[in-house]
PDB file of N, CA and C in Angstrom:
ATOM      1  N   UNK A   1       1.461  10.479   6.184  1.00  0.00           N
ATOM      2  CA  UNK A   1       1.938   9.318   5.477  1.00  0.00           C
ATOM      3  C   UNK A   1       2.566   8.382   6.489  1.00  0.00           C
ATOM      4  N   UNK A   2       2.508   7.095   6.229  1.00  0.00           N
ATOM      5  CA  UNK A   2       3.054   6.111   7.149  1.00  0.00           C
ATOM      6  C   UNK A   2       4.514   6.406   7.433  1.00  0.00           C
ATOM      7  N   UNK A   3       4.893   6.290   8.704  1.00  0.00           N
ATOM      8  CA  UNK A   3       6.290   6.497   9.076  1.00  0.00           C
ATOM      9  C   UNK A   3       7.121   5.345   8.552  1.00  0.00           C
ATOM     10  N   UNK A   4       8.178   5.664   7.842  1.00  0.00           N
ATOM     11  CA  UNK A   4       8.983   4.612   7.244  1.00  0.00           C
ATOM     12  C   UNK A   4       8.198   3.945   6.147  1.00  0.00           C
ATOM     13  N   UNK A   5       8.851   3.097   5.433  1.00  0.00           N
ATOM     14  CA  UNK A   5       8.158   2.383   4.364  1.00  0.00           C
ATOM     15  C   UNK A   5       8.489   0.914   4.495  1.00  0.00           C
ATOM     16  N   UNK A   6       7.484   0.120   4.388  1.00  0.00           N
ATOM     17  CA  UNK A   6       7.679  -1.320   4.423  1.00  0.00           C
ATOM     18  C   UNK A   6       7.493  -1.837   3.011  1.00  0.00           C
ATOM     19  N   UNK A   7       8.557  -2.406   2.479  1.00  0.00           N
ATOM     20  CA  UNK A   7       8.484  -2.990   1.149  1.00  0.00           C
ATOM     21  C   UNK A   7       9.078  -4.387   1.202  1.00  0.00           C
ATOM     22  N   UNK A   8       8.582  -5.218   0.327  1.00  0.00           N
ATOM     23  CA  UNK A   8       9.028  -6.605   0.256  1.00  0.00           C
ATOM     24  C   UNK A   8       9.161  -7.007  -1.206  1.00  0.00           C
ATOM     25  N   UNK A   9       9.835  -8.089  -1.441  1.00  0.00           N
ATOM     26  CA  UNK A   9       9.932  -8.675  -2.780  1.00  0.00           C
ATOM     27  C   UNK A   9       8.681  -9.496  -3.059  1.00  0.00           C
ATOM     28  N   UNK A  10       8.359  -9.633  -4.311  1.00  0.00           N
ATOM     29  CA  UNK A  10       7.182 -10.394  -4.717  1.00  0.00           C
ATOM     30  C   UNK A  10       7.256 -11.869  -4.366  1.00  0.00           C
ATOM     31  N   UNK A  11       8.452 -12.384  -4.142  1.00  0.00           N
ATOM     32  CA  UNK A  11       8.614 -13.803  -3.801  1.00  0.00           C
ATOM     33  C   UNK A  11       8.306 -14.107  -2.335  1.00  0.00           C
ATOM     34  N   UNK A  12       8.114 -13.081  -1.524  1.00  0.00           N
ATOM     35  CA  UNK A  12       7.787 -13.270  -0.111  1.00  0.00           C
ATOM     36  C   UNK A  12       6.425 -13.961  -0.006  1.00  0.00           C
ATOM     37  N   UNK A  13       6.311 -14.900   0.903  1.00  0.00           N
ATOM     38  CA  UNK A  13       5.041 -15.611   1.050  1.00  0.00           C
ATOM     39  C   UNK A  13       3.967 -14.683   1.608  1.00  0.00           C
ATOM     40  N   UNK A  14       2.731 -15.043   1.327  1.00  0.00           N
ATOM     41  CA  UNK A  14       1.608 -14.288   1.884  1.00  0.00           C
ATOM     42  C   UNK A  14       1.700 -14.308   3.405  1.00  0.00           C
ATOM     43  N   UNK A  15       2.007 -15.458   3.995  1.00  0.00           N
ATOM     44  CA  UNK A  15       2.086 -15.576   5.450  1.00  0.00           C
ATOM     45  C   UNK A  15       3.125 -14.608   6.022  1.00  0.00           C
ATOM     46  N   UNK A  16       4.320 -14.560   5.427  1.00  0.00           N
ATOM     47  CA  UNK A  16       5.346 -13.648   5.917  1.00  0.00           C
ATOM     48  C   UNK A  16       4.946 -12.188   5.715  1.00  0.00           C
ATOM     49  N   UNK A  17       4.238 -11.914   4.642  1.00  0.00           N
ATOM     50  CA  UNK A  17       3.751 -10.560   4.385  1.00  0.00           C
ATOM     51  C   UNK A  17       2.747 -10.141   5.444  1.00  0.00           C
ATOM     52  N   UNK A  18       1.823 -11.027   5.758  1.00  0.00           N
ATOM     53  CA  UNK A  18       0.798 -10.740   6.765  1.00  0.00           C
ATOM     54  C   UNK A  18       1.451 -10.586   8.140  1.00  0.00           C
ATOM     55  N   UNK A  19       2.425 -11.398   8.436  1.00  0.00           N
ATOM     56  CA  UNK A  19       3.139 -11.261   9.716  1.00  0.00           C
ATOM     57  C   UNK A  19       3.782  -9.882   9.831  1.00  0.00           C
ATOM     58  N   UNK A  20       4.416  -9.435   8.755  1.00  0.00           N
ATOM     59  CA  UNK A  20       5.052  -8.120   8.767  1.00  0.00           C
ATOM     60  C   UNK A  20       4.014  -7.011   8.936  1.00  0.00           C
ATOM     61  N   UNK A  21       2.903  -7.118   8.220  1.00  0.00           N
ATOM     62  CA  UNK A  21       1.842  -6.123   8.351  1.00  0.00           C
ATOM     63  C   UNK A  21       1.322  -6.087   9.786  1.00  0.00           C
ATOM     64  N   UNK A  22       1.176  -7.244  10.391  1.00  0.00           N
ATOM     65  CA  UNK A  22       0.694  -7.325  11.765  1.00  0.00           C
ATOM     66  C   UNK A  22       1.720  -6.736  12.739  1.00  0.00           C
ATOM     67  N   UNK A  23       2.983  -7.088  12.570  1.00  0.00           N
ATOM     68  CA  UNK A  23       4.059  -6.564  13.428  1.00  0.00           C
ATOM     69  C   UNK A  23       4.134  -5.047  13.396  1.00  0.00           C
ATOM     70  N   UNK A  24       4.003  -4.493  12.200  1.00  0.00           N
ATOM     71  CA  UNK A  24       4.160  -3.053  12.003  1.00  0.00           C
ATOM     72  C   UNK A  24       2.844  -2.291  12.141  1.00  0.00           C
ATOM     73  N   UNK A  25       1.744  -3.040  12.336  1.00  0.00           N
ATOM     74  CA  UNK A  25       0.416  -2.447  12.462  1.00  0.00           C
ATOM     75  C   UNK A  25       0.084  -1.561  11.261  1.00  0.00           C
ATOM     76  N   UNK A  26       0.272  -2.141  10.080  1.00  0.00           N
ATOM     77  CA  UNK A  26       0.009  -1.432   8.824  1.00  0.00           C
ATOM     78  C   UNK A  26      -0.941  -2.255   7.962  1.00  0.00           C
ATOM     79  N   UNK A  27      -1.588  -1.589   7.027  1.00  0.00           N
ATOM     80  CA  UNK A  27      -2.585  -2.256   6.202  1.00  0.00           C
ATOM     81  C   UNK A  27      -2.146  -2.535   4.784  1.00  0.00           C
ATOM     82  N   UNK A  28      -0.881  -2.210   4.456  1.00  0.00           N
ATOM     83  CA  UNK A  28      -0.421  -2.416   3.082  1.00  0.00           C
ATOM     84  C   UNK A  28       1.100  -2.482   3.041  1.00  0.00           C
ATOM     85  N   UNK A  29       1.593  -3.207   2.050  1.00  0.00           N
ATOM     86  CA  UNK A  29       3.024  -3.316   1.778  1.00  0.00           C
ATOM     87  C   UNK A  29       3.277  -3.000   0.317  1.00  0.00           C
ATOM     88  N   UNK A  30       4.325  -2.279   0.051  1.00  0.00           N
ATOM     89  CA  UNK A  30       4.732  -2.046  -1.331  1.00  0.00           C
ATOM     90  C   UNK A  30       5.600  -3.222  -1.766  1.00  0.00           C
ATOM     91  N   UNK A  31       5.317  -3.728  -2.949  1.00  0.00           N
ATOM     92  CA  UNK A  31       6.094  -4.819  -3.524  1.00  0.00           C
ATOM     93  C   UNK A  31       7.091  -4.189  -4.495  1.00  0.00           C
ATOM     94  N   UNK A  32       8.371  -4.541  -4.338  1.00  0.00           N
ATOM     95  CA  UNK A  32       9.410  -3.964  -5.192  1.00  0.00           C
ATOM     96  C   UNK A  32      10.097  -5.044  -6.002  1.00  0.00           C
ATOM     97  N   UNK A  33      10.634  -4.623  -7.156  1.00  0.00           N
ATOM     98  CA  UNK A  33      11.401  -5.529  -8.004  1.00  0.00           C
ATOM     99  C   UNK A  33      12.857  -5.517  -7.558  1.00  0.00           C
ATOM    100  N   UNK A  34      13.710  -6.193  -8.318  1.00  0.00           N
ATOM    101  CA  UNK A  34      15.124  -6.298  -7.955  1.00  0.00           C
ATOM    102  C   UNK A  34      15.851  -4.964  -7.945  1.00  0.00           C
ATOM    103  N   UNK A  35      15.336  -3.975  -8.669  1.00  0.00           N
ATOM    104  CA  UNK A  35      15.956  -2.650  -8.694  1.00  0.00           C
ATOM    105  C   UNK A  35      15.386  -1.741  -7.609  1.00  0.00           C
ATOM    106  N   UNK A  36      14.433  -2.247  -6.825  1.00  0.00           N
ATOM    107  CA  UNK A  36      13.818  -1.444  -5.773  1.00  0.00           C
ATOM    108  C   UNK A  36      12.681  -0.574  -6.250  1.00  0.00           C
ATOM    109  N   UNK A  37      12.247  -0.785  -7.497  1.00  0.00           N
ATOM    110  CA  UNK A  37      11.129  -0.010  -8.040  1.00  0.00           C
ATOM    111  C   UNK A  37       9.812  -0.687  -7.684  1.00  0.00           C
ATOM    112  N   UNK A  38       8.795   0.111  -7.513  1.00  0.00           N
ATOM    113  CA  UNK A  38       7.482  -0.396  -7.141  1.00  0.00           C
ATOM    114  C   UNK A  38       6.892  -1.243  -8.269  1.00  0.00           C
ATOM    115  N   UNK A  39       6.472  -2.458  -7.924  1.00  0.00           N
ATOM    116  CA  UNK A  39       5.826  -3.312  -8.916  1.00  0.00           C
ATOM    117  C   UNK A  39       4.399  -3.665  -8.523  1.00  0.00           C
ATOM    118  N   UNK A  40       4.021  -3.348  -7.286  1.00  0.00           N
ATOM    119  CA  UNK A  40       2.673  -3.634  -6.843  1.00  0.00           C
ATOM    120  C   UNK A  40       2.478  -3.227  -5.396  1.00  0.00           C
ATOM    121  N   UNK A  41       1.277  -3.488  -4.915  1.00  0.00           N
ATOM    122  CA  UNK A  41       0.939  -3.242  -3.515  1.00  0.00           C
ATOM    123  C   UNK A  41       0.099  -4.413  -3.041  1.00  0.00           C
ATOM    124  N   UNK A  42       0.315  -4.823  -1.804  1.00  0.00           N
ATOM    125  CA  UNK A  42      -0.479  -5.883  -1.192  1.00  0.00           C
ATOM    126  C   UNK A  42      -1.159  -5.273   0.018  1.00  0.00           C
ATOM    127  N   UNK A  43      -2.481  -5.339   0.023  1.00  0.00           N
ATOM    128  CA  UNK A  43      -3.265  -4.685   1.062  1.00  0.00           C
ATOM    129  C   UNK A  43      -4.122  -5.695   1.822  1.00  0.00           C
ATOM    130  N   UNK A  44      -4.706  -5.217   2.913  1.00  0.00           N
ATOM    131  CA  UNK A  44      -5.651  -6.048   3.660  1.00  0.00           C
ATOM    132  C   UNK A  44      -6.798  -6.491   2.755  1.00  0.00           C
ATOM    133  N   UNK A  45      -7.214  -5.616   1.885  1.00  0.00           N
ATOM    134  CA  UNK A  45      -8.305  -5.940   0.958  1.00  0.00           C
ATOM    135  C   UNK A  45      -7.877  -7.074   0.014  1.00  0.00           C
ATOM    136  N   UNK A  46      -6.642  -7.029  -0.490  1.00  0.00           N
ATOM    137  CA  UNK A  46      -6.128  -8.126  -1.329  1.00  0.00           C
ATOM    138  C   UNK A  46      -6.138  -9.434  -0.550  1.00  0.00           C
ATOM    139  N   UNK A  47      -5.701  -9.381   0.694  1.00  0.00           N
ATOM    140  CA  UNK A  47      -5.673 -10.581   1.534  1.00  0.00           C
ATOM    141  C   UNK A  47      -7.067 -11.182   1.674  1.00  0.00           C
ATOM    142  N   UNK A  48      -8.032 -10.357   1.991  1.00  0.00           N
ATOM    143  CA  UNK A  48      -9.389 -10.865   2.199  1.00  0.00           C
ATOM    144  C   UNK A  48     -10.040 -11.371   0.918  1.00  0.00           C
ATOM    145  N   UNK A  49      -9.956 -10.574  -0.132  1.00  0.00           N
ATOM    146  CA  UNK A  49     -10.677 -10.909  -1.369  1.00  0.00           C
ATOM    147  C   UNK A  49      -9.975 -11.945  -2.236  1.00  0.00           C
ATOM    148  N   UNK A  50      -8.655 -11.904  -2.290  1.00  0.00           N
ATOM    149  CA  UNK A  50      -7.932 -12.763  -3.220  1.00  0.00           C
ATOM    150  C   UNK A  50      -7.340 -14.009  -2.578  1.00  0.00           C
ATOM    151  N   UNK A  51      -7.128 -13.968  -1.269  1.00  0.00           N
ATOM    152  CA  UNK A  51      -6.504 -15.107  -0.588  1.00  0.00           C
ATOM    153  C   UNK A  51      -7.529 -15.842   0.277  1.00  0.00           C
ATOM    154  N   UNK A  52      -8.049 -15.167   1.279  1.00  0.00           N
ATOM    155  CA  UNK A  52      -8.950 -15.814   2.235  1.00  0.00           C
ATOM    156  C   UNK A  52     -10.249 -16.255   1.575  1.00  0.00           C
ATOM    157  N   UNK A  53     -10.904 -15.367   0.850  1.00  0.00           N
ATOM    158  CA  UNK A  53     -12.209 -15.687   0.255  1.00  0.00           C
ATOM    159  C   UNK A  53     -12.138 -16.822  -0.758  1.00  0.00           C
ATOM    160  N   UNK A  54     -10.977 -16.991  -1.377  1.00  0.00           N
ATOM    161  CA  UNK A  54     -10.831 -18.052  -2.377  1.00  0.00           C
ATOM    162  C   UNK A  54     -10.022 -19.241  -1.847  1.00  0.00           C
ATOM    163  N   UNK A  55      -9.740 -19.200  -0.554  1.00  0.00           N
ATOM    164  CA  UNK A  55      -9.050 -20.308   0.143  1.00  0.00           C
ATOM    165  C   UNK A  55      -7.710 -20.676  -0.485  1.00  0.00           C
ATOM    166  N   UNK A  56      -6.912 -19.651  -0.751  1.00  0.00           N
ATOM    167  CA  UNK A  56      -5.592 -19.873  -1.326  1.00  0.00           C
ATOM    168  C   UNK A  56      -4.584 -20.178  -0.215  1.00  0.00           C
ATOM    169  N   UNK A  57      -3.496 -20.811  -0.588  1.00  0.00           N
ATOM    170  CA  UNK A  57      -2.442 -21.141   0.365  1.00  0.00           C
ATOM    171  C   UNK A  57      -1.690 -19.887   0.791  1.00  0.00           C
ATOM    172  N   UNK A  58      -1.420 -19.778   2.072  1.00  0.00           N
ATOM    173  CA  UNK A  58      -0.646 -18.658   2.597  1.00  0.00           C
ATOM    174  C   UNK A  58       0.842 -18.799   2.281  1.00  0.00           C
ATOM    175  N   UNK A  59       1.212 -19.944   1.716  1.00  0.00           N
ATOM    176  CA  UNK A  59       2.603 -20.161   1.308  1.00  0.00           C
ATOM    177  C   UNK A  59       2.892 -19.615  -0.084  1.00  0.00           C
ATOM    178  N   UNK A  60       1.849 -19.229  -0.812  1.00  0.00           N
ATOM    179  CA  UNK A  60       2.028 -18.674  -2.164  1.00  0.00           C
ATOM    180  C   UNK A  60       2.779 -17.346  -2.093  1.00  0.00           C
ATOM    181  N   UNK A  61       3.495 -17.001  -3.162  1.00  0.00           N
ATOM    182  CA  UNK A  61       4.168 -15.694  -3.169  1.00  0.00           C
ATOM    183  C   UNK A  61       3.143 -14.564  -3.226  1.00  0.00           C
ATOM    184  N   UNK A  62       3.457 -13.495  -2.534  1.00  0.00           N
ATOM    185  CA  UNK A  62       2.550 -12.361  -2.461  1.00  0.00           C
ATOM    186  C   UNK A  62       2.314 -11.751  -3.840  1.00  0.00           C
ATOM    187  N   UNK A  63       3.248 -11.919  -4.759  1.00  0.00           N
ATOM    188  CA  UNK A  63       3.096 -11.367  -6.112  1.00  0.00           C
ATOM    189  C   UNK A  63       1.882 -11.955  -6.833  1.00  0.00           C
ATOM    190  N   UNK A  64       1.468 -13.146  -6.445  1.00  0.00           N
ATOM    191  CA  UNK A  64       0.306 -13.787  -7.050  1.00  0.00           C
ATOM    192  C   UNK A  64      -0.969 -12.992  -6.760  1.00  0.00           C
ATOM    193  N   UNK A  65      -1.014 -12.289  -5.635  1.00  0.00           N
ATOM    194  CA  UNK A  65      -2.242 -11.649  -5.166  1.00  0.00           C
ATOM    195  C   UNK A  65      -2.151 -10.124  -5.079  1.00  0.00           C
ATOM    196  N   UNK A  66      -0.978  -9.575  -5.321  1.00  0.00           N
ATOM    197  CA  UNK A  66      -0.819  -8.125  -5.190  1.00  0.00           C
ATOM    198  C   UNK A  66      -1.600  -7.398  -6.284  1.00  0.00           C
ATOM    199  N   UNK A  67      -1.888  -6.156  -6.037  1.00  0.00           N
ATOM    200  CA  UNK A  67      -2.490  -5.296  -7.043  1.00  0.00           C
ATOM    201  C   UNK A  67      -1.364  -4.749  -7.906  1.00  0.00           C
ATOM    202  N   UNK A  68      -1.448  -4.981  -9.211  1.00  0.00           N
ATOM    203  CA  UNK A  68      -0.366  -4.601 -10.123  1.00  0.00           C
ATOM    204  C   UNK A  68      -0.599  -3.260 -10.809  1.00  0.00           C
ATOM    205  N   UNK A  69      -1.811  -2.994 -11.195  1.00  0.00           N
ATOM    206  CA  UNK A  69      -2.115  -1.760 -11.922  1.00  0.00           C
ATOM    207  C   UNK A  69      -2.310  -0.632 -10.920  1.00  0.00           C
ATOM    208  N   UNK A  70      -1.203  -0.046 -10.548  1.00  0.00           N
ATOM    209  CA  UNK A  70      -1.215   0.937  -9.470  1.00  0.00           C
ATOM    210  C   UNK A  70      -1.487   2.351  -9.952  1.00  0.00           C
ATOM    211  N   UNK A  71      -2.211   3.048  -9.135  1.00  0.00           N
ATOM    212  CA  UNK A  71      -2.291   4.495  -9.237  1.00  0.00           C
ATOM    213  C   UNK A  71      -1.404   4.977  -8.098  1.00  0.00           C
ATOM    214  N   UNK A  72      -0.390   5.726  -8.421  1.00  0.00           N
ATOM    215  CA  UNK A  72       0.554   6.200  -7.409  1.00  0.00           C
ATOM    216  C   UNK A  72       0.526   7.711  -7.338  1.00  0.00           C
ATOM    217  N   UNK A  73       1.038   8.222  -6.253  1.00  0.00           N
ATOM    218  CA  UNK A  73       1.224   9.657  -6.083  1.00  0.00           C
ATOM    219  C   UNK A  73       2.723   9.930  -6.095  1.00  0.00           C
ATOM    220  N   UNK A  74       3.079  11.125  -6.478  1.00  0.00           N
ATOM    221  CA  UNK A  74       4.463  11.567  -6.401  1.00  0.00           C
ATOM    222  C   UNK A  74       4.630  12.407  -5.137  1.00  0.00           C
ATOM    223  N   UNK A  75       5.838  12.430  -4.603  1.00  0.00           N
ATOM    224  CA  UNK A  75       6.083  13.105  -3.328  1.00  0.00           C
ATOM    225  C   UNK A  75       5.751  14.587  -3.358  1.00  0.00           C
ATOM    226  N   UNK A  76       5.754  15.204  -4.532  1.00  0.00           N
ATOM    227  CA  UNK A  76       5.443  16.634  -4.594  1.00  0.00           C
ATOM    228  C   UNK A  76       3.967  16.908  -4.898  1.00  0.00           C
ATOM    229  N   UNK A  77       3.124  15.871  -4.988  1.00  0.00           N
ATOM    230  CA  UNK A  77       1.687  16.052  -5.152  1.00  0.00           C
ATOM    231  C   UNK A  77       1.108  16.593  -3.841  1.00  0.00           C
ATOM    232  N   UNK A  78       0.072  17.386  -3.942  1.00  0.00           N
ATOM    233  CA  UNK A  78      -0.567  17.906  -2.726  1.00  0.00           C
ATOM    234  C   UNK A  78      -1.356  16.785  -2.047  1.00  0.00           C
ATOM    235  N   UNK A  79      -1.551  16.941  -0.759  1.00  0.00           N
ATOM    236  CA  UNK A  79      -2.341  15.969  -0.007  1.00  0.00           C
ATOM    237  C   UNK A  79      -3.758  15.891  -0.562  1.00  0.00           C
ATOM    238  N   UNK A  80      -4.294  17.037  -0.972  1.00  0.00           N
ATOM    239  CA  UNK A  80      -5.645  17.048  -1.539  1.00  0.00           C
ATOM    240  C   UNK A  80      -5.706  16.249  -2.842  1.00  0.00           C
ATOM    241  N   UNK A  81      -4.678  16.379  -3.690  1.00  0.00           N
ATOM    242  CA  UNK A  81      -4.641  15.609  -4.939  1.00  0.00           C
ATOM    243  C   UNK A  81      -4.543  14.110  -4.657  1.00  0.00           C
ATOM    244  N   UNK A  82      -3.715  13.744  -3.669  1.00  0.00           N
ATOM    245  CA  UNK A  82      -3.587  12.330  -3.317  1.00  0.00           C
ATOM    246  C   UNK A  82      -4.924  11.795  -2.806  1.00  0.00           C
ATOM    247  N   UNK A  83      -5.580  12.565  -1.948  1.00  0.00           N
ATOM    248  CA  UNK A  83      -6.872  12.144  -1.399  1.00  0.00           C
ATOM    249  C   UNK A  83      -7.911  12.006  -2.506  1.00  0.00           C
ATOM    250  N   UNK A  84      -7.900  12.915  -3.462  1.00  0.00           N
ATOM    251  CA  UNK A  84      -8.843  12.865  -4.582  1.00  0.00           C
ATOM    252  C   UNK A  84      -8.634  11.574  -5.390  1.00  0.00           C
ATOM    253  N   UNK A  85      -7.364  11.224  -5.646  1.00  0.00           N
ATOM    254  CA  UNK A  85      -7.073   9.978  -6.374  1.00  0.00           C
ATOM    255  C   UNK A  85      -7.601   8.764  -5.619  1.00  0.00           C
ATOM    256  N   UNK A  86      -7.420   8.778  -4.308  1.00  0.00           N
ATOM    257  CA  UNK A  86      -7.897   7.655  -3.491  1.00  0.00           C
ATOM    258  C   UNK A  86      -9.418   7.557  -3.557  1.00  0.00           C
ATOM    259  N   UNK A  87     -10.096   8.685  -3.489  1.00  0.00           N
ATOM    260  CA  UNK A  87     -11.558   8.702  -3.532  1.00  0.00           C
ATOM    261  C   UNK A  87     -12.070   8.214  -4.885  1.00  0.00           C
ATOM    262  N   UNK A  88     -11.522   8.733  -5.944  1.00  0.00           N
ATOM    263  CA  UNK A  88     -11.949   8.348  -7.297  1.00  0.00           C
ATOM    264  C   UNK A  88     -11.700   6.864  -7.551  1.00  0.00           C
ATOM    265  N   UNK A  89     -10.535   6.370  -7.121  1.00  0.00           N
ATOM    266  CA  UNK A  89     -10.185   4.974  -7.358  1.00  0.00           C
ATOM    267  C   UNK A  89     -10.707   4.002  -6.317  1.00  0.00           C
ATOM    268  N   UNK A  90     -11.350   4.535  -5.263  1.00  0.00           N
ATOM    269  CA  UNK A  90     -11.839   3.700  -4.174  1.00  0.00           C
ATOM    270  C   UNK A  90     -10.708   2.913  -3.510  1.00  0.00           C
ATOM    271  N   UNK A  91      -9.593   3.611  -3.247  1.00  0.00           N
ATOM    272  CA  UNK A  91      -8.429   3.001  -2.600  1.00  0.00           C
ATOM    273  C   UNK A  91      -8.391   3.383  -1.131  1.00  0.00           C
ATOM    274  N   UNK A  92      -7.853   2.504  -0.329  1.00  0.00           N
ATOM    275  CA  UNK A  92      -7.586   2.816   1.077  1.00  0.00           C
ATOM    276  C   UNK A  92      -6.117   3.148   1.296  1.00  0.00           C
ATOM    277  N   UNK A  93      -5.301   2.784   0.320  1.00  0.00           N
ATOM    278  CA  UNK A  93      -3.858   3.039   0.397  1.00  0.00           C
ATOM    279  C   UNK A  93      -3.362   3.435  -0.987  1.00  0.00           C
ATOM    280  N   UNK A  94      -2.404   4.364  -1.018  1.00  0.00           N
ATOM    281  CA  UNK A  94      -1.806   4.751  -2.291  1.00  0.00           C
ATOM    282  C   UNK A  94      -0.300   4.915  -2.084  1.00  0.00           C
ATOM    283  N   UNK A  95       0.496   4.226  -2.914  1.00  0.00           N
ATOM    284  CA  UNK A  95       1.949   4.389  -2.796  1.00  0.00           C
ATOM    285  C   UNK A  95       2.372   5.807  -3.188  1.00  0.00           C
ATOM    286  N   UNK A  96       3.338   6.323  -2.465  1.00  0.00           N
ATOM    287  CA  UNK A  96       3.907   7.627  -2.770  1.00  0.00           C
ATOM    288  C   UNK A  96       5.344   7.389  -3.225  1.00  0.00           C
ATOM    289  N   UNK A  97       5.661   7.933  -4.412  1.00  0.00           N
ATOM    290  CA  UNK A  97       6.960   7.704  -5.025  1.00  0.00           C
ATOM    291  C   UNK A  97       7.740   9.002  -5.168  1.00  0.00           C
ATOM    292  N   UNK A  98       9.039   8.848  -5.213  1.00  0.00           N
ATOM    293  CA  UNK A  98       9.942   9.926  -5.618  1.00  0.00           C
ATOM    294  C   UNK A  98      10.555   9.421  -6.916  1.00  0.00           C
ATOM    295  N   UNK A  99       9.969   9.823  -8.038  1.00  0.00           N
ATOM    296  CA  UNK A  99      10.341   9.233  -9.325  1.00  0.00           C
ATOM    297  C   UNK A  99       9.758   7.839  -9.393  1.00  0.00           C
ATOM    298  N   UNK A 100      10.643   6.824  -9.377  1.00  0.00           N
ATOM    299  CA  UNK A 100      10.185   5.431  -9.374  1.00  0.00           C
ATOM    300  C   UNK A 100      10.417   4.754  -8.031  1.00  0.00           C
ATOM    301  N   UNK A 101      11.062   5.467  -7.109  1.00  0.00           N
ATOM    302  CA  UNK A 101      11.408   4.901  -5.808  1.00  0.00           C
ATOM    303  C   UNK A 101      10.268   5.093  -4.819  1.00  0.00           C
ATOM    304  N   UNK A 102       9.810   4.019  -4.174  1.00  0.00           N
ATOM    305  CA  UNK A 102       8.760   4.171  -3.161  1.00  0.00           C
ATOM    306  C   UNK A 102       9.318   4.850  -1.908  1.00  0.00           C
ATOM    307  N   UNK A 103       8.571   5.837  -1.397  1.00  0.00           N
ATOM    308  CA  UNK A 103       9.007   6.520  -0.175  1.00  0.00           C
ATOM    309  C   UNK A 103       7.961   6.447   0.932  1.00  0.00           C
ATOM    310  N   UNK A 104       6.780   5.943   0.624  1.00  0.00           N
ATOM    311  CA  UNK A 104       5.750   5.836   1.648  1.00  0.00           C
ATOM    312  C   UNK A 104       4.440   5.354   1.084  1.00  0.00           C
ATOM    313  N   UNK A 105       3.493   5.197   1.980  1.00  0.00           N
ATOM    314  CA  UNK A 105       2.130   4.827   1.609  1.00  0.00           C
ATOM    315  C   UNK A 105       1.206   5.788   2.340  1.00  0.00           C
ATOM    316  N   UNK A 106       0.322   6.408   1.588  1.00  0.00           N
ATOM    317  CA  UNK A 106      -0.695   7.255   2.181  1.00  0.00           C
ATOM    318  C   UNK A 106      -1.916   6.382   2.434  1.00  0.00           C
ATOM    319  N   UNK A 107      -2.418   6.416   3.660  1.00  0.00           N
ATOM    320  CA  UNK A 107      -3.602   5.620   3.996  1.00  0.00           C
ATOM    321  C   UNK A 107      -4.805   6.524   4.186  1.00  0.00           C
ATOM    322  N   UNK A 108      -5.962   5.925   4.179  1.00  0.00           N
ATOM    323  CA  UNK A 108      -7.184   6.684   4.403  1.00  0.00           C
ATOM    324  C   UNK A 108      -7.135   7.355   5.769  1.00  0.00           C
ATOM    325  N   UNK A 109      -6.501   6.707   6.739  1.00  0.00           N
ATOM    326  CA  UNK A 109      -6.341   7.300   8.071  1.00  0.00           C
ATOM    327  C   UNK A 109      -5.525   8.592   7.980  1.00  0.00           C
ATOM    328  N   UNK A 110      -4.470   8.582   7.160  1.00  0.00           N
ATOM    329  CA  UNK A 110      -3.664   9.785   6.971  1.00  0.00           C
ATOM    330  C   UNK A 110      -4.503  10.913   6.376  1.00  0.00           C
ATOM    331  N   UNK A 111      -5.353  10.570   5.418  1.00  0.00           N
ATOM    332  CA  UNK A 111      -6.209  11.569   4.774  1.00  0.00           C
ATOM    333  C   UNK A 111      -7.173  12.163   5.792  1.00  0.00           C
ATOM    334  N   UNK A 112      -7.792  11.315   6.596  1.00  0.00           N
ATOM    335  CA  UNK A 112      -8.729  11.801   7.602  1.00  0.00           C
ATOM    336  C   UNK A 112      -8.026  12.694   8.623  1.00  0.00           C
ATOM    337  N   UNK A 113      -6.824  12.328   9.000  1.00  0.00           N
ATOM    338  CA  UNK A 113      -6.036  13.148   9.934  1.00  0.00           C
ATOM    339  C   UNK A 113      -5.742  14.510   9.304  1.00  0.00           C
ATOM    340  N   UNK A 114      -5.389  14.511   8.034  1.00  0.00           N
ATOM    341  CA  UNK A 114      -5.099  15.768   7.316  1.00  0.00           C
ATOM    342  C   UNK A 114      -6.345  16.660   7.281  1.00  0.00           C
ATOM    343  N   UNK A 115      -7.478  16.087   6.971  1.00  0.00           N
ATOM    344  CA  UNK A 115      -8.721  16.853   6.909  1.00  0.00           C
ATOM    345  C   UNK A 115      -9.053  17.428   8.294  1.00  0.00           C
ATOM    346  N   UNK A 116      -8.886  16.607   9.308  1.00  0.00           N
ATOM    347  CA  UNK A 116      -9.164  17.055  10.667  1.00  0.00           C
ATOM    348  C   UNK A 116      -8.235  18.194  11.075  1.00  0.00           C
ATOM    349  N   UNK A 117      -6.955  18.071  10.741  1.00  0.00           N
ATOM    350  CA  UNK A 117      -5.980  19.116  11.061  1.00  0.00           C
ATOM    351  C   UNK A 117      -6.306  20.418  10.341  1.00  0.00           C
ATOM    352  N   UNK A 118      -6.734  20.308   9.073  1.00  0.00           N
ATOM    353  CA  UNK A 118      -7.101  21.514   8.316  1.00  0.00           C
ATOM    354  C   UNK A 118      -8.292  22.220   8.949  1.00  0.00           C
ATOM    355  N   UNK A 119      -9.229  21.449   9.463  1.00  0.00           N
ATOM    356  CA  UNK A 119     -10.425  22.015  10.061  1.00  0.00           C
ATOM    357  C   UNK A 119     -10.150  22.710  11.401  1.00  0.00           C
ATOM    358  N   UNK A 120      -9.072  22.319  12.047  1.00  0.00           N
ATOM    359  CA  UNK A 120      -8.750  22.906  13.354  1.00  0.00           C
ATOM    360  C   UNK A 120      -7.940  24.188  13.236  1.00  0.00           C
ATOM    361  N   UNK A 121      -7.467  24.499  12.043  1.00  0.00           N
ATOM    362  CA  UNK A 121      -6.630  25.696  11.864  1.00  0.00           C
ATOM    363  C   UNK A 121      -7.454  26.912  11.586  1.00  0.00           C
TER     364      UNK A 121
END
């Protein structure tokens, strides 16, 4: 799972969101509400399909383009269960929660690393 968690408010501009993703070398950000609960995710795929392809302003709030209907994993779910959810839903990133609190994002890279590690044991 990604080290640390990068989360932002929905009012953050797309440009600032992309800058943060670039700085941290990550492909997704969790969007949180005022209580710190997950309200969405903004991914590279959202950027390409919803912003760039439709020529939207990078000054718009990221909440306009985030994915809202999330499939999330809980911290006590197995890695295999999380990977299965990603495969079924065709996701590259899945938020991992402890209850309603975001604690990380599992990426396809993490899944591939897990599979590779299992094969070496």
